[in-house]
């Protein structure tokens, strides 16, 4: 049965719903979860999320991420902003650089929504 709690971000919204295999999502629930999935649907953003999550210490500076792509720093920053706005990463500005950390609960909520095997 869905939990109807007010949540702060699309990533946390995934926790509002029963697993997809338990019962169909309502249109409202689908509308809440879709921005999270849309943020992850881009290959660059998916790779960025993976790079941040697997980086030493669990956080990465935007300067550490630029070298992995043939993209400009503003483009990488745009993709990271999308991940941040979706609630998948937290960010912390230190001087001129921004450091990112994956929000483990956001990924756990998404996994709970789509990772269950059929019953």
PDB file of N, CA and C in Angstrom:
ATOM      1  N   UNK A   1       0.841  -1.166   0.000  1.00  0.00           N
ATOM      2  CA  UNK A   1       0.000   0.000   0.000  1.00  0.00           C
ATOM      3  C   UNK A   1       0.893   1.238   0.000  1.00  0.00           C
ATOM      4  N   UNK A   2       0.612   2.241  -0.830  1.00  0.00           N
ATOM      5  CA  UNK A   2       1.448   3.431  -0.893  1.00  0.00           C
ATOM      6  C   UNK A   2       1.433   4.209   0.426  1.00  0.00           C
ATOM      7  N   UNK A   3       2.573   4.803   0.712  1.00  0.00           N
ATOM      8  CA  UNK A   3       2.691   5.684   1.862  1.00  0.00           C
ATOM      9  C   UNK A   3       2.509   7.095   1.347  1.00  0.00           C
ATOM     10  N   UNK A   4       1.615   7.863   1.921  1.00  0.00           N
ATOM     11  CA  UNK A   4       1.382   9.219   1.426  1.00  0.00           C
ATOM     12  C   UNK A   4       2.001  10.235   2.374  1.00  0.00           C
ATOM     13  N   UNK A   5       3.319  10.378   2.300  1.00  0.00           N
ATOM     14  CA  UNK A   5       4.039  11.351   3.098  1.00  0.00           C
ATOM     15  C   UNK A   5       4.527  12.464   2.196  1.00  0.00           C
ATOM     16  N   UNK A   6       4.529  13.700   2.663  1.00  0.00           N
ATOM     17  CA  UNK A   6       5.114  14.761   1.862  1.00  0.00           C
ATOM     18  C   UNK A   6       6.625  14.556   1.799  1.00  0.00           C
ATOM     19  N   UNK A   7       7.189  14.596   0.625  1.00  0.00           N
ATOM     20  CA  UNK A   7       8.607  14.335   0.443  1.00  0.00           C
ATOM     21  C   UNK A   7       9.280  15.528  -0.214  1.00  0.00           C
ATOM     22  N   UNK A   8      10.570  15.669   0.032  1.00  0.00           N
ATOM     23  CA  UNK A   8      11.292  16.872  -0.370  1.00  0.00           C
ATOM     24  C   UNK A   8      11.768  16.855  -1.806  1.00  0.00           C
ATOM     25  N   UNK A   9      11.944  15.698  -2.393  1.00  0.00           N
ATOM     26  CA  UNK A   9      12.518  15.663  -3.728  1.00  0.00           C
ATOM     27  C   UNK A   9      11.982  14.470  -4.504  1.00  0.00           C
ATOM     28  N   UNK A  10      12.140  14.483  -5.847  1.00  0.00           N
ATOM     29  CA  UNK A  10      11.705  13.328  -6.631  1.00  0.00           C
ATOM     30  C   UNK A  10      12.375  12.036  -6.191  1.00  0.00           C
ATOM     31  N   UNK A  11      13.641  12.117  -5.777  1.00  0.00           N
ATOM     32  CA  UNK A  11      14.339  10.906  -5.340  1.00  0.00           C
ATOM     33  C   UNK A  11      13.677  10.309  -4.106  1.00  0.00           C
ATOM     34  N   UNK A  12      13.255  11.155  -3.191  1.00  0.00           N
ATOM     35  CA  UNK A  12      12.580  10.669  -2.006  1.00  0.00           C
ATOM     36  C   UNK A  12      11.164  10.222  -2.323  1.00  0.00           C
ATOM     37  N   UNK A  13      10.603  10.714  -3.407  1.00  0.00           N
ATOM     38  CA  UNK A  13       9.258  10.351  -3.815  1.00  0.00           C
ATOM     39  C   UNK A  13       9.155   8.867  -4.126  1.00  0.00           C
ATOM     40  N   UNK A  14      10.243   8.262  -4.574  1.00  0.00           N
ATOM     41  CA  UNK A  14      10.217   6.839  -4.879  1.00  0.00           C
ATOM     42  C   UNK A  14       9.793   6.026  -3.659  1.00  0.00           C
ATOM     43  N   UNK A  15      10.053   6.552  -2.462  1.00  0.00           N
ATOM     44  CA  UNK A  15       9.677   5.850  -1.240  1.00  0.00           C
ATOM     45  C   UNK A  15       8.177   5.916  -0.983  1.00  0.00           C
ATOM     46  N   UNK A  16       7.463   6.778  -1.713  1.00  0.00           N
ATOM     47  CA  UNK A  16       6.034   6.950  -1.464  1.00  0.00           C
ATOM     48  C   UNK A  16       5.206   5.817  -2.031  1.00  0.00           C
ATOM     49  N   UNK A  17       5.823   5.007  -2.827  1.00  0.00           N
ATOM     50  CA  UNK A  17       5.060   4.040  -3.618  1.00  0.00           C
ATOM     51  C   UNK A  17       5.407   2.609  -3.241  1.00  0.00           C
ATOM     52  N   UNK A  18       4.418   1.757  -3.359  1.00  0.00           N
ATOM     53  CA  UNK A  18       4.673   0.328  -3.221  1.00  0.00           C
ATOM     54  C   UNK A  18       5.522  -0.106  -4.411  1.00  0.00           C
ATOM     55  N   UNK A  19       6.244  -1.198  -4.288  1.00  0.00           N
ATOM     56  CA  UNK A  19       7.005  -1.668  -5.449  1.00  0.00           C
ATOM     57  C   UNK A  19       6.101  -1.814  -6.671  1.00  0.00           C
ATOM     58  N   UNK A  20       6.669  -1.561  -7.831  1.00  0.00           N
ATOM     59  CA  UNK A  20       5.903  -1.635  -9.075  1.00  0.00           C
ATOM     60  C   UNK A  20       5.219  -2.983  -9.253  1.00  0.00           C
ATOM     61  N   UNK A  21       5.815  -4.014  -8.670  1.00  0.00           N
ATOM     62  CA  UNK A  21       5.246  -5.348  -8.823  1.00  0.00           C
ATOM     63  C   UNK A  21       4.107  -5.615  -7.846  1.00  0.00           C
ATOM     64  N   UNK A  22       3.919  -4.742  -6.856  1.00  0.00           N
ATOM     65  CA  UNK A  22       2.870  -4.965  -5.861  1.00  0.00           C
ATOM     66  C   UNK A  22       1.527  -4.418  -6.318  1.00  0.00           C
ATOM     67  N   UNK A  23       1.549  -3.215  -6.901  1.00  0.00           N
ATOM     68  CA  UNK A  23       0.320  -2.596  -7.393  1.00  0.00           C
ATOM     69  C   UNK A  23       0.704  -1.488  -8.362  1.00  0.00           C
ATOM     70  N   UNK A  24      -0.213  -1.152  -9.263  1.00  0.00           N
ATOM     71  CA  UNK A  24       0.085  -0.102 -10.231  1.00  0.00           C
ATOM     72  C   UNK A  24       0.248   1.255  -9.550  1.00  0.00           C
ATOM     73  N   UNK A  25       1.143   2.058 -10.096  1.00  0.00           N
ATOM     74  CA  UNK A  25       1.288   3.434  -9.623  1.00  0.00           C
ATOM     75  C   UNK A  25       0.073   4.250 -10.048  1.00  0.00           C
ATOM     76  N   UNK A  26      -0.285   5.207  -9.233  1.00  0.00           N
ATOM     77  CA  UNK A  26      -1.307   6.160  -9.654  1.00  0.00           C
ATOM     78  C   UNK A  26      -0.640   7.152 -10.610  1.00  0.00           C
ATOM     79  N   UNK A  27      -1.437   7.939 -11.304  1.00  0.00           N
ATOM     80  CA  UNK A  27      -0.866   8.964 -12.194  1.00  0.00           C
ATOM     81  C   UNK A  27      -0.047   9.964 -11.389  1.00  0.00           C
ATOM     82  N   UNK A  28      -0.513  10.306 -10.202  1.00  0.00           N
ATOM     83  CA  UNK A  28       0.218  11.250  -9.349  1.00  0.00           C
ATOM     84  C   UNK A  28       1.579  10.675  -8.939  1.00  0.00           C
ATOM     85  N   UNK A  29       1.596   9.419  -8.526  1.00  0.00           N
ATOM     86  CA  UNK A  29       2.852   8.781  -8.137  1.00  0.00           C
ATOM     87  C   UNK A  29       3.806   8.692  -9.323  1.00  0.00           C
ATOM     88  N   UNK A  30       3.283   8.302 -10.477  1.00  0.00           N
ATOM     89  CA  UNK A  30       4.121   8.207 -11.672  1.00  0.00           C
ATOM     90  C   UNK A  30       4.700   9.573 -12.023  1.00  0.00           C
ATOM     91  N   UNK A  31       3.896  10.606 -11.873  1.00  0.00           N
ATOM     92  CA  UNK A  31       4.368  11.961 -12.146  1.00  0.00           C
ATOM     93  C   UNK A  31       5.447  12.414 -11.183  1.00  0.00           C
ATOM     94  N   UNK A  32       5.416  11.910  -9.961  1.00  0.00           N
ATOM     95  CA  UNK A  32       6.431  12.254  -8.965  1.00  0.00           C
ATOM     96  C   UNK A  32       7.741  11.508  -9.206  1.00  0.00           C
ATOM     97  N   UNK A  33       7.662  10.276  -9.662  1.00  0.00           N
ATOM     98  CA  UNK A  33       8.852   9.453  -9.853  1.00  0.00           C
ATOM     99  C   UNK A  33       9.521   9.734 -11.207  1.00  0.00           C
ATOM    100  N   UNK A  34       8.750  10.143 -12.197  1.00  0.00           N
ATOM    101  CA  UNK A  34       9.276  10.339 -13.551  1.00  0.00           C
ATOM    102  C   UNK A  34      10.467  11.291 -13.627  1.00  0.00           C
ATOM    103  N   UNK A  35      10.494  12.430 -12.902  1.00  0.00           N
ATOM    104  CA  UNK A  35      11.665  13.312 -12.995  1.00  0.00           C
ATOM    105  C   UNK A  35      12.968  12.640 -12.545  1.00  0.00           C
ATOM    106  N   UNK A  36      12.879  11.777 -11.569  1.00  0.00           N
ATOM    107  CA  UNK A  36      14.053  11.039 -11.111  1.00  0.00           C
ATOM    108  C   UNK A  36      14.559  10.114 -12.214  1.00  0.00           C
ATOM    109  N   UNK A  37      13.641   9.375 -12.815  1.00  0.00           N
ATOM    110  CA  UNK A  37      14.030   8.463 -13.887  1.00  0.00           C
ATOM    111  C   UNK A  37      14.537   9.230 -15.105  1.00  0.00           C
ATOM    112  N   UNK A  38      13.930  10.378 -15.375  1.00  0.00           N
ATOM    113  CA  UNK A  38      14.377  11.212 -16.491  1.00  0.00           C
ATOM    114  C   UNK A  38      15.803  11.697 -16.253  1.00  0.00           C
ATOM    115  N   UNK A  39      16.108  12.080 -15.021  1.00  0.00           N
ATOM    116  CA  UNK A  39      17.468  12.526 -14.702  1.00  0.00           C
ATOM    117  C   UNK A  39      18.476  11.412 -14.925  1.00  0.00           C
ATOM    118  N   UNK A  40      18.091  10.193 -14.632  1.00  0.00           N
ATOM    119  CA  UNK A  40      18.996   9.053 -14.796  1.00  0.00           C
ATOM    120  C   UNK A  40      19.042   8.517 -16.225  1.00  0.00           C
ATOM    121  N   UNK A  41      18.117   8.930 -17.063  1.00  0.00           N
ATOM    122  CA  UNK A  41      18.020   8.383 -18.419  1.00  0.00           C
ATOM    123  C   UNK A  41      19.111   8.895 -19.349  1.00  0.00           C
ATOM    124  N   UNK A  42      19.831   9.919 -18.972  1.00  0.00           N
ATOM    125  CA  UNK A  42      20.902  10.457 -19.802  1.00  0.00           C
ATOM    126  C   UNK A  42      22.195   9.707 -19.502  1.00  0.00           C
ATOM    127  N   UNK A  43      22.885   9.177 -20.519  1.00  0.00           N
ATOM    128  CA  UNK A  43      24.110   8.406 -20.273  1.00  0.00           C
ATOM    129  C   UNK A  43      25.198   9.198 -19.550  1.00  0.00           C
ATOM    130  N   UNK A  44      25.325  10.486 -19.836  1.00  0.00           N
ATOM    131  CA  UNK A  44      26.342  11.294 -19.154  1.00  0.00           C
ATOM    132  C   UNK A  44      26.005  11.399 -17.670  1.00  0.00           C
ATOM    133  N   UNK A  45      24.745  11.668 -17.351  1.00  0.00           N
ATOM    134  CA  UNK A  45      24.366  11.801 -15.946  1.00  0.00           C
ATOM    135  C   UNK A  45      24.485  10.471 -15.205  1.00  0.00           C
ATOM    136  N   UNK A  46      24.128   9.393 -15.856  1.00  0.00           N
ATOM    137  CA  UNK A  46      24.259   8.084 -15.230  1.00  0.00           C
ATOM    138  C   UNK A  46      25.731   7.784 -14.930  1.00  0.00           C
ATOM    139  N   UNK A  47      26.607   8.103 -15.865  1.00  0.00           N
ATOM    140  CA  UNK A  47      28.045   7.894 -15.651  1.00  0.00           C
ATOM    141  C   UNK A  47      28.572   8.827 -14.571  1.00  0.00           C
ATOM    142  N   UNK A  48      28.123  10.084 -14.565  1.00  0.00           N
ATOM    143  CA  UNK A  48      28.545  11.016 -13.519  1.00  0.00           C
ATOM    144  C   UNK A  48      28.145  10.503 -12.135  1.00  0.00           C
ATOM    145  N   UNK A  49      26.925  10.017 -12.017  1.00  0.00           N
ATOM    146  CA  UNK A  49      26.465   9.480 -10.742  1.00  0.00           C
ATOM    147  C   UNK A  49      27.354   8.318 -10.309  1.00  0.00           C
ATOM    148  N   UNK A  50      27.702   7.460 -11.245  1.00  0.00           N
ATOM    149  CA  UNK A  50      28.565   6.323 -10.953  1.00  0.00           C
ATOM    150  C   UNK A  50      29.963   6.779 -10.549  1.00  0.00           C
ATOM    151  N   UNK A  51      30.483   7.783 -11.234  1.00  0.00           N
ATOM    152  CA  UNK A  51      31.812   8.302 -10.903  1.00  0.00           C
ATOM    153  C   UNK A  51      31.836   8.900  -9.492  1.00  0.00           C
ATOM    154  N   UNK A  52      30.821   9.646  -9.156  1.00  0.00           N
ATOM    155  CA  UNK A  52      30.760  10.248  -7.822  1.00  0.00           C
ATOM    156  C   UNK A  52      30.642   9.150  -6.767  1.00  0.00           C
ATOM    157  N   UNK A  53      29.738   8.216  -6.984  1.00  0.00           N
ATOM    158  CA  UNK A  53      29.497   7.154  -6.001  1.00  0.00           C
ATOM    159  C   UNK A  53      30.732   6.290  -5.766  1.00  0.00           C
ATOM    160  N   UNK A  54      31.527   6.071  -6.800  1.00  0.00           N
ATOM    161  CA  UNK A  54      32.685   5.194  -6.673  1.00  0.00           C
ATOM    162  C   UNK A  54      33.985   5.939  -6.382  1.00  0.00           C
ATOM    163  N   UNK A  55      33.925   7.240  -6.291  1.00  0.00           N
ATOM    164  CA  UNK A  55      35.121   8.044  -6.034  1.00  0.00           C
ATOM    165  C   UNK A  55      35.602   7.835  -4.602  1.00  0.00           C
ATOM    166  N   UNK A  56      36.909   7.959  -4.386  1.00  0.00           N
ATOM    167  CA  UNK A  56      37.484   7.837  -3.040  1.00  0.00           C
ATOM    168  C   UNK A  56      36.768   8.760  -2.067  1.00  0.00           C
ATOM    169  N   UNK A  57      36.359   8.233  -0.939  1.00  0.00           N
ATOM    170  CA  UNK A  57      35.678   9.024   0.069  1.00  0.00           C
ATOM    171  C   UNK A  57      34.210   9.260  -0.213  1.00  0.00           C
ATOM    172  N   UNK A  58      33.706   8.763  -1.334  1.00  0.00           N
ATOM    173  CA  UNK A  58      32.293   8.892  -1.648  1.00  0.00           C
ATOM    174  C   UNK A  58      31.871  10.268  -2.122  1.00  0.00           C
ATOM    175  N   UNK A  59      32.839  11.131  -2.423  1.00  0.00           N
ATOM    176  CA  UNK A  59      32.506  12.439  -2.969  1.00  0.00           C
ATOM    177  C   UNK A  59      33.543  12.816  -4.007  1.00  0.00           C
ATOM    178  N   UNK A  60      33.117  13.658  -4.947  1.00  0.00           N
ATOM    179  CA  UNK A  60      34.015  14.079  -6.019  1.00  0.00           C
ATOM    180  C   UNK A  60      33.825  15.557  -6.303  1.00  0.00           C
ATOM    181  N   UNK A  61      34.929  16.194  -6.594  1.00  0.00           N
ATOM    182  CA  UNK A  61      34.929  17.597  -6.998  1.00  0.00           C
ATOM    183  C   UNK A  61      34.580  17.659  -8.480  1.00  0.00           C
ATOM    184  N   UNK A  62      33.923  18.714  -8.873  1.00  0.00           N
ATOM    185  CA  UNK A  62      33.610  18.885 -10.292  1.00  0.00           C
ATOM    186  C   UNK A  62      34.895  18.822 -11.113  1.00  0.00           C
ATOM    187  N   UNK A  63      36.002  19.283 -10.523  1.00  0.00           N
ATOM    188  CA  UNK A  63      37.294  19.233 -11.218  1.00  0.00           C
ATOM    189  C   UNK A  63      37.750  17.793 -11.464  1.00  0.00           C
ATOM    190  N   UNK A  64      37.338  16.860 -10.597  1.00  0.00           N
ATOM    191  CA  UNK A  64      37.678  15.447 -10.776  1.00  0.00           C
ATOM    192  C   UNK A  64      36.848  14.793 -11.875  1.00  0.00           C
ATOM    193  N   UNK A  65      35.679  15.345 -12.135  1.00  0.00           N
ATOM    194  CA  UNK A  65      34.756  14.735 -13.092  1.00  0.00           C
ATOM    195  C   UNK A  65      35.025  15.173 -14.529  1.00  0.00           C
ATOM    196  N   UNK A  66      35.566  16.357 -14.705  1.00  0.00           N
ATOM    197  CA  UNK A  66      35.783  16.899 -16.054  1.00  0.00           C
ATOM    198  C   UNK A  66      36.661  16.014 -16.917  1.00  0.00           C
ATOM    199  N   UNK A  67      37.698  15.424 -16.326  1.00  0.00           N
ATOM    200  CA  UNK A  67      38.659  14.637 -17.101  1.00  0.00           C
ATOM    201  C   UNK A  67      38.048  13.371 -17.707  1.00  0.00           C
ATOM    202  N   UNK A  68      36.923  12.909 -17.164  1.00  0.00           N
ATOM    203  CA  UNK A  68      36.310  11.668 -17.642  1.00  0.00           C
ATOM    204  C   UNK A  68      35.474  11.859 -18.903  1.00  0.00           C
ATOM    205  N   UNK A  69      35.307  13.108 -19.345  1.00  0.00           N
ATOM    206  CA  UNK A  69      34.432  13.406 -20.479  1.00  0.00           C
ATOM    207  C   UNK A  69      35.096  14.364 -21.450  1.00  0.00           C
ATOM    208  N   UNK A  70      34.661  14.306 -22.673  1.00  0.00           N
ATOM    209  CA  UNK A  70      35.080  15.277 -23.681  1.00  0.00           C
ATOM    210  C   UNK A  70      33.992  16.358 -23.759  1.00  0.00           C
ATOM    211  N   UNK A  71      33.699  16.949 -22.591  1.00  0.00           N
ATOM    212  CA  UNK A  71      32.674  17.977 -22.473  1.00  0.00           C
ATOM    213  C   UNK A  71      33.261  19.151 -21.708  1.00  0.00           C
ATOM    214  N   UNK A  72      32.660  20.306 -21.862  1.00  0.00           N
ATOM    215  CA  UNK A  72      33.139  21.476 -21.133  1.00  0.00           C
ATOM    216  C   UNK A  72      32.706  21.403 -19.674  1.00  0.00           C
ATOM    217  N   UNK A  73      33.411  22.151 -18.836  1.00  0.00           N
ATOM    218  CA  UNK A  73      33.069  22.187 -17.416  1.00  0.00           C
ATOM    219  C   UNK A  73      31.654  22.713 -17.191  1.00  0.00           C
ATOM    220  N   UNK A  74      31.200  23.744 -17.924  1.00  0.00           N
ATOM    221  CA  UNK A  74      29.805  24.180 -17.725  1.00  0.00           C
ATOM    222  C   UNK A  74      28.776  23.090 -18.072  1.00  0.00           C
ATOM    223  N   UNK A  75      29.074  22.265 -19.059  1.00  0.00           N
ATOM    224  CA  UNK A  75      28.161  21.178 -19.425  1.00  0.00           C
ATOM    225  C   UNK A  75      28.109  20.131 -18.313  1.00  0.00           C
ATOM    226  N   UNK A  76      29.268  19.790 -17.767  1.00  0.00           N
ATOM    227  CA  UNK A  76      29.311  18.840 -16.646  1.00  0.00           C
ATOM    228  C   UNK A  76      28.544  19.423 -15.456  1.00  0.00           C
ATOM    229  N   UNK A  77      28.749  20.704 -15.187  1.00  0.00           N
ATOM    230  CA  UNK A  77      28.040  21.358 -14.083  1.00  0.00           C
ATOM    231  C   UNK A  77      26.529  21.330 -14.299  1.00  0.00           C
ATOM    232  N   UNK A  78      26.098  21.526 -15.533  1.00  0.00           N
ATOM    233  CA  UNK A  78      24.658  21.457 -15.838  1.00  0.00           C
ATOM    234  C   UNK A  78      24.104  20.071 -15.501  1.00  0.00           C
ATOM    235  N   UNK A  79      24.807  19.032 -15.938  1.00  0.00           N
ATOM    236  CA  UNK A  79      24.347  17.666 -15.667  1.00  0.00           C
ATOM    237  C   UNK A  79      24.314  17.389 -14.163  1.00  0.00           C
ATOM    238  N   UNK A  80      25.314  17.888 -13.445  1.00  0.00           N
ATOM    239  CA  UNK A  80      25.329  17.689 -11.999  1.00  0.00           C
ATOM    240  C   UNK A  80      24.191  18.462 -11.331  1.00  0.00           C
ATOM    241  N   UNK A  81      23.848  19.621 -11.859  1.00  0.00           N
ATOM    242  CA  UNK A  81      22.716  20.381 -11.315  1.00  0.00           C
ATOM    243  C   UNK A  81      21.415  19.592 -11.489  1.00  0.00           C
ATOM    244  N   UNK A  82      21.255  18.947 -12.644  1.00  0.00           N
ATOM    245  CA  UNK A  82      20.060  18.128 -12.878  1.00  0.00           C
ATOM    246  C   UNK A  82      19.990  16.990 -11.859  1.00  0.00           C
ATOM    247  N   UNK A  83      21.113  16.336 -11.605  1.00  0.00           N
ATOM    248  CA  UNK A  83      21.143  15.250 -10.618  1.00  0.00           C
ATOM    249  C   UNK A  83      20.845  15.785  -9.213  1.00  0.00           C
ATOM    250  N   UNK A  84      21.353  16.964  -8.918  1.00  0.00           N
ATOM    251  CA  UNK A  84      21.096  17.585  -7.610  1.00  0.00           C
ATOM    252  C   UNK A  84      19.616  17.945  -7.464  1.00  0.00           C
ATOM    253  N   UNK A  85      19.047  18.561  -8.473  1.00  0.00           N
ATOM    254  CA  UNK A  85      17.635  18.960  -8.416  1.00  0.00           C
ATOM    255  C   UNK A  85      16.707  17.755  -8.342  1.00  0.00           C
ATOM    256  N   UNK A  86      17.140  16.621  -8.889  1.00  0.00           N
ATOM    257  CA  UNK A  86      16.347  15.391  -8.799  1.00  0.00           C
ATOM    258  C   UNK A  86      16.485  14.736  -7.427  1.00  0.00           C
ATOM    259  N   UNK A  87      17.415  15.227  -6.618  1.00  0.00           N
ATOM    260  CA  UNK A  87      17.604  14.673  -5.280  1.00  0.00           C
ATOM    261  C   UNK A  87      18.539  13.494  -5.209  1.00  0.00           C
ATOM    262  N   UNK A  88      19.304  13.257  -6.266  1.00  0.00           N
ATOM    263  CA  UNK A  88      20.210  12.113  -6.290  1.00  0.00           C
ATOM    264  C   UNK A  88      21.567  12.406  -5.668  1.00  0.00           C
ATOM    265  N   UNK A  89      21.982  13.669  -5.676  1.00  0.00           N
ATOM    266  CA  UNK A  89      23.270  14.043  -5.092  1.00  0.00           C
ATOM    267  C   UNK A  89      23.104  15.284  -4.217  1.00  0.00           C
ATOM    268  N   UNK A  90      23.972  15.379  -3.231  1.00  0.00           N
ATOM    269  CA  UNK A  90      24.106  16.588  -2.426  1.00  0.00           C
ATOM    270  C   UNK A  90      25.355  17.297  -2.916  1.00  0.00           C
ATOM    271  N   UNK A  91      25.420  18.609  -2.689  1.00  0.00           N
ATOM    272  CA  UNK A  91      26.599  19.354  -3.112  1.00  0.00           C
ATOM    273  C   UNK A  91      27.034  20.304  -2.014  1.00  0.00           C
ATOM    274  N   UNK A  92      28.330  20.596  -2.051  1.00  0.00           N
ATOM    275  CA  UNK A  92      28.933  21.456  -1.045  1.00  0.00           C
ATOM    276  C   UNK A  92      29.993  22.301  -1.743  1.00  0.00           C
ATOM    277  N   UNK A  93      29.841  23.623  -1.676  1.00  0.00           N
ATOM    278  CA  UNK A  93      30.801  24.514  -2.318  1.00  0.00           C
ATOM    279  C   UNK A  93      31.949  24.789  -1.350  1.00  0.00           C
ATOM    280  N   UNK A  94      33.161  24.582  -1.835  1.00  0.00           N
ATOM    281  CA  UNK A  94      34.371  24.835  -1.053  1.00  0.00           C
ATOM    282  C   UNK A  94      35.294  25.696  -1.903  1.00  0.00           C
ATOM    283  N   UNK A  95      35.348  26.955  -1.570  1.00  0.00           N
ATOM    284  CA  UNK A  95      36.120  27.890  -2.383  1.00  0.00           C
ATOM    285  C   UNK A  95      35.459  28.039  -3.740  1.00  0.00           C
ATOM    286  N   UNK A  96      36.225  27.802  -4.799  1.00  0.00           N
ATOM    287  CA  UNK A  96      35.663  27.929  -6.148  1.00  0.00           C
ATOM    288  C   UNK A  96      35.117  26.610  -6.678  1.00  0.00           C
ATOM    289  N   UNK A  97      35.339  25.502  -5.966  1.00  0.00           N
ATOM    290  CA  UNK A  97      34.926  24.188  -6.441  1.00  0.00           C
ATOM    291  C   UNK A  97      33.680  23.699  -5.720  1.00  0.00           C
ATOM    292  N   UNK A  98      32.938  22.863  -6.419  1.00  0.00           N
ATOM    293  CA  UNK A  98      31.753  22.232  -5.839  1.00  0.00           C
ATOM    294  C   UNK A  98      32.031  20.734  -5.732  1.00  0.00           C
ATOM    295  N   UNK A  99      31.748  20.174  -4.565  1.00  0.00           N
ATOM    296  CA  UNK A  99      31.926  18.749  -4.312  1.00  0.00           C
ATOM    297  C   UNK A  99      30.560  18.088  -4.228  1.00  0.00           C
ATOM    298  N   UNK A 100      30.454  16.891  -4.795  1.00  0.00           N
ATOM    299  CA  UNK A 100      29.178  16.168  -4.848  1.00  0.00           C
ATOM    300  C   UNK A 100      29.294  14.837  -4.121  1.00  0.00           C
ATOM    301  N   UNK A 101      28.197  14.437  -3.482  1.00  0.00           N
ATOM    302  CA  UNK A 101      28.045  13.141  -2.828  1.00  0.00           C
ATOM    303  C   UNK A 101      26.714  12.536  -3.257  1.00  0.00           C
ATOM    304  N   UNK A 102      26.720  11.254  -3.509  1.00  0.00           N
ATOM    305  CA  UNK A 102      25.470  10.563  -3.840  1.00  0.00           C
ATOM    306  C   UNK A 102      24.648  10.430  -2.563  1.00  0.00           C
ATOM    307  N   UNK A 103      23.340  10.603  -2.698  1.00  0.00           N
ATOM    308  CA  UNK A 103      22.432  10.418  -1.570  1.00  0.00           C
ATOM    309  C   UNK A 103      22.026   8.946  -1.536  1.00  0.00           C
ATOM    310  N   UNK A 104      22.631   8.155  -0.642  1.00  0.00           N
ATOM    311  CA  UNK A 104      22.363   6.710  -0.625  1.00  0.00           C
ATOM    312  C   UNK A 104      20.886   6.379  -0.457  1.00  0.00           C
ATOM    313  N   UNK A 105      20.166   7.150   0.348  1.00  0.00           N
ATOM    314  CA  UNK A 105      18.753   6.844   0.562  1.00  0.00           C
ATOM    315  C   UNK A 105      17.943   7.028  -0.711  1.00  0.00           C
ATOM    316  N   UNK A 106      18.338   7.991  -1.532  1.00  0.00           N
ATOM    317  CA  UNK A 106      17.629   8.209  -2.792  1.00  0.00           C
ATOM    318  C   UNK A 106      17.771   6.989  -3.699  1.00  0.00           C
ATOM    319  N   UNK A 107      18.982   6.444  -3.768  1.00  0.00           N
ATOM    320  CA  UNK A 107      19.184   5.241  -4.588  1.00  0.00           C
ATOM    321  C   UNK A 107      18.485   4.034  -3.980  1.00  0.00           C
ATOM    322  N   UNK A 108      18.487   3.939  -2.661  1.00  0.00           N
ATOM    323  CA  UNK A 108      17.795   2.829  -2.003  1.00  0.00           C
ATOM    324  C   UNK A 108      16.291   2.900  -2.268  1.00  0.00           C
ATOM    325  N   UNK A 109      15.731   4.121  -2.214  1.00  0.00           N
ATOM    326  CA  UNK A 109      14.299   4.281  -2.476  1.00  0.00           C
ATOM    327  C   UNK A 109      13.958   3.875  -3.907  1.00  0.00           C
ATOM    328  N   UNK A 110      14.802   4.288  -4.846  1.00  0.00           N
ATOM    329  CA  UNK A 110      14.564   3.919  -6.236  1.00  0.00           C
ATOM    330  C   UNK A 110      14.676   2.410  -6.417  1.00  0.00           C
ATOM    331  N   UNK A 111      15.681   1.818  -5.798  1.00  0.00           N
ATOM    332  CA  UNK A 111      15.844   0.363  -5.871  1.00  0.00           C
ATOM    333  C   UNK A 111      14.647  -0.371  -5.292  1.00  0.00           C
ATOM    334  N   UNK A 112      14.109   0.156  -4.201  1.00  0.00           N
ATOM    335  CA  UNK A 112      12.933  -0.468  -3.585  1.00  0.00           C
ATOM    336  C   UNK A 112      11.732  -0.389  -4.514  1.00  0.00           C
ATOM    337  N   UNK A 113      11.644   0.704  -5.260  1.00  0.00           N
ATOM    338  CA  UNK A 113      10.512   0.877  -6.161  1.00  0.00           C
ATOM    339  C   UNK A 113      10.592  -0.075  -7.351  1.00  0.00           C
ATOM    340  N   UNK A 114      11.754  -0.176  -7.969  1.00  0.00           N
ATOM    341  CA  UNK A 114      11.846  -0.959  -9.214  1.00  0.00           C
ATOM    342  C   UNK A 114      12.607  -2.265  -9.096  1.00  0.00           C
ATOM    343  N   UNK A 115      13.262  -2.526  -7.970  1.00  0.00           N
ATOM    344  CA  UNK A 115      14.125  -3.677  -7.867  1.00  0.00           C
ATOM    345  C   UNK A 115      13.506  -4.935  -7.323  1.00  0.00           C
ATOM    346  N   UNK A 116      12.249  -4.891  -7.004  1.00  0.00           N
ATOM    347  CA  UNK A 116      11.612  -6.082  -6.413  1.00  0.00           C
ATOM    348  C   UNK A 116      11.241  -7.082  -7.484  1.00  0.00           C
ATOM    349  N   UNK A 117      11.397  -8.347  -7.156  1.00  0.00           N
ATOM    350  CA  UNK A 117      11.008  -9.389  -8.101  1.00  0.00           C
ATOM    351  C   UNK A 117       9.493  -9.600  -8.025  1.00  0.00           C
ATOM    352  N   UNK A 118       8.884 -10.043  -9.115  1.00  0.00           N
ATOM    353  CA  UNK A 118       7.432 -10.279  -9.106  1.00  0.00           C
ATOM    354  C   UNK A 118       7.055 -11.277  -8.029  1.00  0.00           C
ATOM    355  N   UNK A 119       5.893 -11.040  -7.426  1.00  0.00           N
ATOM    356  CA  UNK A 119       5.439 -11.925  -6.347  1.00  0.00           C
ATOM    357  C   UNK A 119       4.471 -12.946  -6.866  1.00  0.00           C
TER     358      UNK A 119
END
